[in-house]
Amino acid sequence: QVRVVESGGGLVQPGASLKLSCTASGLTSTNYPMSWYRQIPGKERELVASIPSDGGHTNDAGFLKDRFILSRVYGENTMSLYMYNLKTEDTGIYFCVIGGTWGQGTQVTVSS
C-alpha cells in the first residue's frame, strides 16, 4: 500500500521561513513525478511546485517561484518545500503528491 506523509507545518509569523517535508512508502521505484499543492481557505486547490520523474526543471507557480523552492532527494521518494518570506495569504493546507498518491496535508498558518 502506497502512503504519502507530509510534515513540517506549523504556526509562523509573517516574514518567517518554513520547510515542509514529504516521504512516500510502498512504491516500487523512485522515479516518480512529485508535486506540492495547497488549499487556501475559500479558494480552489492550487499547484505550488512540481518536478517531473526525470529530474528536469521544476514547474513553479509563477506567483510563488521567488519564495517557494522544491527540492527532491534522488534515489528516494522524499522531497521538501522550502518556503521563504511567508505571508498571511500563504495560510492553508499543503499537500504532497508522489506518483499520483496524495498525502493528507499539513497545516501552515502565517499569523502575527
C-alpha atoms as a PDB file:
ATOM      1  CA  GLN A   1       0.000   0.000   0.000  1.00  0.00           C
ATOM      2  CA  VAL A   2       1.350   3.390  -1.001  1.00  0.00           C
ATOM      3  CA  ARG A   3       1.462   6.012   1.722  1.00  0.00           C
ATOM      4  CA  VAL A   4       2.493   9.646   1.462  1.00  0.00           C
ATOM      5  CA  VAL A   5       3.129  11.656   4.612  1.00  0.00           C
ATOM      6  CA  GLU A   6       3.839  15.367   4.948  1.00  0.00           C
ATOM      7  CA  SER A   7       5.461  17.046   7.929  1.00  0.00           C
ATOM      8  CA  GLY A   8       6.834  20.406   8.981  1.00  0.00           C
ATOM      9  CA  GLY A   9       3.744  22.587   9.053  1.00  0.00           C
ATOM     10  CA  GLY A  10       3.004  24.923  11.895  1.00  0.00           C
ATOM     11  CA  LEU A  11       2.362  28.467  13.033  1.00  0.00           C
ATOM     12  CA  VAL A  12       4.852  31.140  11.994  1.00  0.00           C
ATOM     13  CA  GLN A  13       4.927  34.893  11.827  1.00  0.00           C
ATOM     14  CA  PRO A  14       4.871  36.850   8.564  1.00  0.00           C
ATOM     15  CA  GLY A  15       8.312  37.009   7.015  1.00  0.00           C
ATOM     16  CA  ALA A  16       9.417  33.723   8.508  1.00  0.00           C
ATOM     17  CA  SER A  17      10.651  30.637   6.664  1.00  0.00           C
ATOM     18  CA  LEU A  18       9.402  27.086   6.905  1.00  0.00           C
ATOM     19  CA  LYS A  19      10.426  23.737   5.481  1.00  0.00           C
ATOM     20  CA  LEU A  20       7.876  21.089   4.633  1.00  0.00           C
ATOM     21  CA  SER A  21       8.949  17.500   4.041  1.00  0.00           C
ATOM     22  CA  CYS A  22       7.254  14.601   2.329  1.00  0.00           C
ATOM     23  CA  THR A  23       8.029  10.909   2.180  1.00  0.00           C
ATOM     24  CA  ALA A  24       6.330   8.116   0.299  1.00  0.00           C
ATOM     25  CA  SER A  25       6.450   4.452   1.171  1.00  0.00           C
ATOM     26  CA  GLY A  26       5.197   1.374  -0.619  1.00  0.00           C
ATOM     27  CA  LEU A  27       6.292   2.497  -4.070  1.00  0.00           C
ATOM     28  CA  THR A  28       8.129   0.149  -6.372  1.00  0.00           C
ATOM     29  CA  SER A  29      10.626   2.655  -7.700  1.00  0.00           C
ATOM     30  CA  THR A  30      11.970   6.131  -7.017  1.00  0.00           C
ATOM     31  CA  ASN A  31      11.311   7.569 -10.448  1.00  0.00           C
ATOM     32  CA  TYR A  32       8.049   9.426  -9.927  1.00  0.00           C
ATOM     33  CA  PRO A  33       6.888  12.955 -10.547  1.00  0.00           C
ATOM     34  CA  MET A  34       6.453  14.944  -7.365  1.00  0.00           C
ATOM     35  CA  SER A  35       4.307  17.953  -6.594  1.00  0.00           C
ATOM     36  CA  TRP A  36       3.191  20.260  -3.835  1.00  0.00           C
ATOM     37  CA  TYR A  37      -0.312  21.720  -3.835  1.00  0.00           C
ATOM     38  CA  ARG A  38      -2.029  23.939  -1.356  1.00  0.00           C
ATOM     39  CA  GLN A  39      -5.590  24.639  -0.302  1.00  0.00           C
ATOM     40  CA  ILE A  40      -6.135  28.217   0.790  1.00  0.00           C
ATOM     41  CA  PRO A  41      -9.402  28.822   2.695  1.00  0.00           C
ATOM     42  CA  GLY A  42     -12.073  29.947   0.280  1.00  0.00           C
ATOM     43  CA  LYS A  43     -10.032  29.079  -2.806  1.00  0.00           C
ATOM     44  CA  GLU A  44      -9.573  26.079  -5.048  1.00  0.00           C
ATOM     45  CA  ARG A  45      -6.628  23.797  -4.542  1.00  0.00           C
ATOM     46  CA  GLU A  46      -3.649  25.109  -6.497  1.00  0.00           C
ATOM     47  CA  LEU A  47      -0.270  23.894  -7.652  1.00  0.00           C
ATOM     48  CA  VAL A  48       2.719  25.232  -5.754  1.00  0.00           C
ATOM     49  CA  ALA A  49       5.561  23.399  -7.463  1.00  0.00           C
ATOM     50  CA  SER A  50       6.250  20.159  -9.263  1.00  0.00           C
ATOM     51  CA  ILE A  51       9.166  18.240 -10.671  1.00  0.00           C
ATOM     52  CA  PRO A  52       8.984  15.526 -13.321  1.00  0.00           C
ATOM     53  CA  SER A  53      10.209  11.995 -12.852  1.00  0.00           C
ATOM     54  CA  ASP A  54      13.284  12.567 -14.983  1.00  0.00           C
ATOM     55  CA  GLY A  55      14.548  15.269 -12.660  1.00  0.00           C
ATOM     56  CA  GLY A  56      14.100  18.072 -15.132  1.00  0.00           C
ATOM     57  CA  HIS A  57      13.328  21.645 -14.292  1.00  0.00           C
ATOM     58  CA  THR A  58      10.779  22.275 -11.611  1.00  0.00           C
ATOM     59  CA  ASN A  59       7.487  23.832 -12.541  1.00  0.00           C
ATOM     60  CA  ASP A  60       6.691  26.538 -10.036  1.00  0.00           C
ATOM     61  CA  ALA A  61       3.528  28.537  -9.802  1.00  0.00           C
ATOM     62  CA  GLY A  62       4.621  31.874 -11.205  1.00  0.00           C
ATOM     63  CA  PHE A  63       3.459  33.915  -8.289  1.00  0.00           C
ATOM     64  CA  LEU A  64       5.361  31.713  -5.817  1.00  0.00           C
ATOM     65  CA  LYS A  65       8.594  30.803  -7.561  1.00  0.00           C
ATOM     66  CA  ASP A  66      10.643  33.501  -5.880  1.00  0.00           C
ATOM     67  CA  ARG A  67       9.673  32.347  -2.406  1.00  0.00           C
ATOM     68  CA  PHE A  68       8.973  28.618  -2.618  1.00  0.00           C
ATOM     69  CA  ILE A  69      11.592  26.088  -3.673  1.00  0.00           C
ATOM     70  CA  LEU A  70      11.044  22.385  -4.210  1.00  0.00           C
ATOM     71  CA  SER A  71      13.902  20.000  -3.586  1.00  0.00           C
ATOM     72  CA  ARG A  72      13.837  16.246  -4.070  1.00  0.00           C
ATOM     73  CA  VAL A  73      16.211  13.546  -2.939  1.00  0.00           C
ATOM     74  CA  TYR A  74      17.115  11.432  -5.960  1.00  0.00           C
ATOM     75  CA  GLY A  75      17.047   7.740  -5.343  1.00  0.00           C
ATOM     76  CA  GLU A  76      14.456   8.220  -2.629  1.00  0.00           C
ATOM     77  CA  ASN A  77      10.787   9.107  -2.603  1.00  0.00           C
ATOM     78  CA  THR A  78      11.416  12.153  -0.489  1.00  0.00           C
ATOM     79  CA  MET A  79      11.112  15.843  -1.193  1.00  0.00           C
ATOM     80  CA  SER A  80      10.962  19.142   0.619  1.00  0.00           C
ATOM     81  CA  LEU A  81       9.383  22.520   0.079  1.00  0.00           C
ATOM     82  CA  TYR A  82      11.367  25.480   1.321  1.00  0.00           C
ATOM     83  CA  MET A  83       9.161  28.499   1.897  1.00  0.00           C
ATOM     84  CA  TYR A  84      10.624  31.949   2.481  1.00  0.00           C
ATOM     85  CA  ASN A  85       9.157  35.312   3.435  1.00  0.00           C
ATOM     86  CA  LEU A  86       5.827  33.768   4.285  1.00  0.00           C
ATOM     87  CA  LYS A  87       2.739  35.923   4.082  1.00  0.00           C
ATOM     88  CA  THR A  88      -0.615  35.643   5.821  1.00  0.00           C
ATOM     89  CA  GLU A  89      -2.168  34.692   2.479  1.00  0.00           C
ATOM     90  CA  ASP A  90       0.046  31.594   2.396  1.00  0.00           C
ATOM     91  CA  THR A  91      -2.025  30.138   5.226  1.00  0.00           C
ATOM     92  CA  GLY A  92      -3.577  26.853   4.216  1.00  0.00           C
ATOM     93  CA  ILE A  93      -3.139  23.121   3.966  1.00  0.00           C
ATOM     94  CA  TYR A  94      -0.171  21.924   1.924  1.00  0.00           C
ATOM     95  CA  PHE A  95      -0.365  18.601   0.150  1.00  0.00           C
ATOM     96  CA  CYS A  96       2.349  16.409  -1.259  1.00  0.00           C
ATOM     97  CA  VAL A  97       1.763  14.199  -4.277  1.00  0.00           C
ATOM     98  CA  ILE A  98       4.184  11.466  -5.258  1.00  0.00           C
ATOM     99  CA  GLY A  99       3.460   9.118  -8.099  1.00  0.00           C
ATOM    100  CA  GLY A 100      -0.175  10.209  -8.127  1.00  0.00           C
ATOM    101  CA  THR A 101      -0.763   9.458  -4.443  1.00  0.00           C
ATOM    102  CA  TRP A 102      -1.802  12.343  -2.206  1.00  0.00           C
ATOM    103  CA  GLY A 103      -0.854  12.849   1.386  1.00  0.00           C
ATOM    104  CA  GLN A 104      -3.342  14.080   3.952  1.00  0.00           C
ATOM    105  CA  GLY A 105      -1.764  17.516   4.099  1.00  0.00           C
ATOM    106  CA  THR A 106      -0.010  19.633   6.668  1.00  0.00           C
ATOM    107  CA  GLN A 107      -1.367  22.901   8.027  1.00  0.00           C
ATOM    108  CA  VAL A 108       0.648  26.080   7.573  1.00  0.00           C
ATOM    109  CA  THR A 109      -0.566  29.139   9.444  1.00  0.00           C
ATOM    110  CA  VAL A 110       1.084  32.510   8.975  1.00  0.00           C
ATOM    111  CA  SER A 111      -0.091  34.984  11.552  1.00  0.00           C
ATOM    112  CA  SER A 112       1.265  37.694  13.781  1.00  0.00           C
END
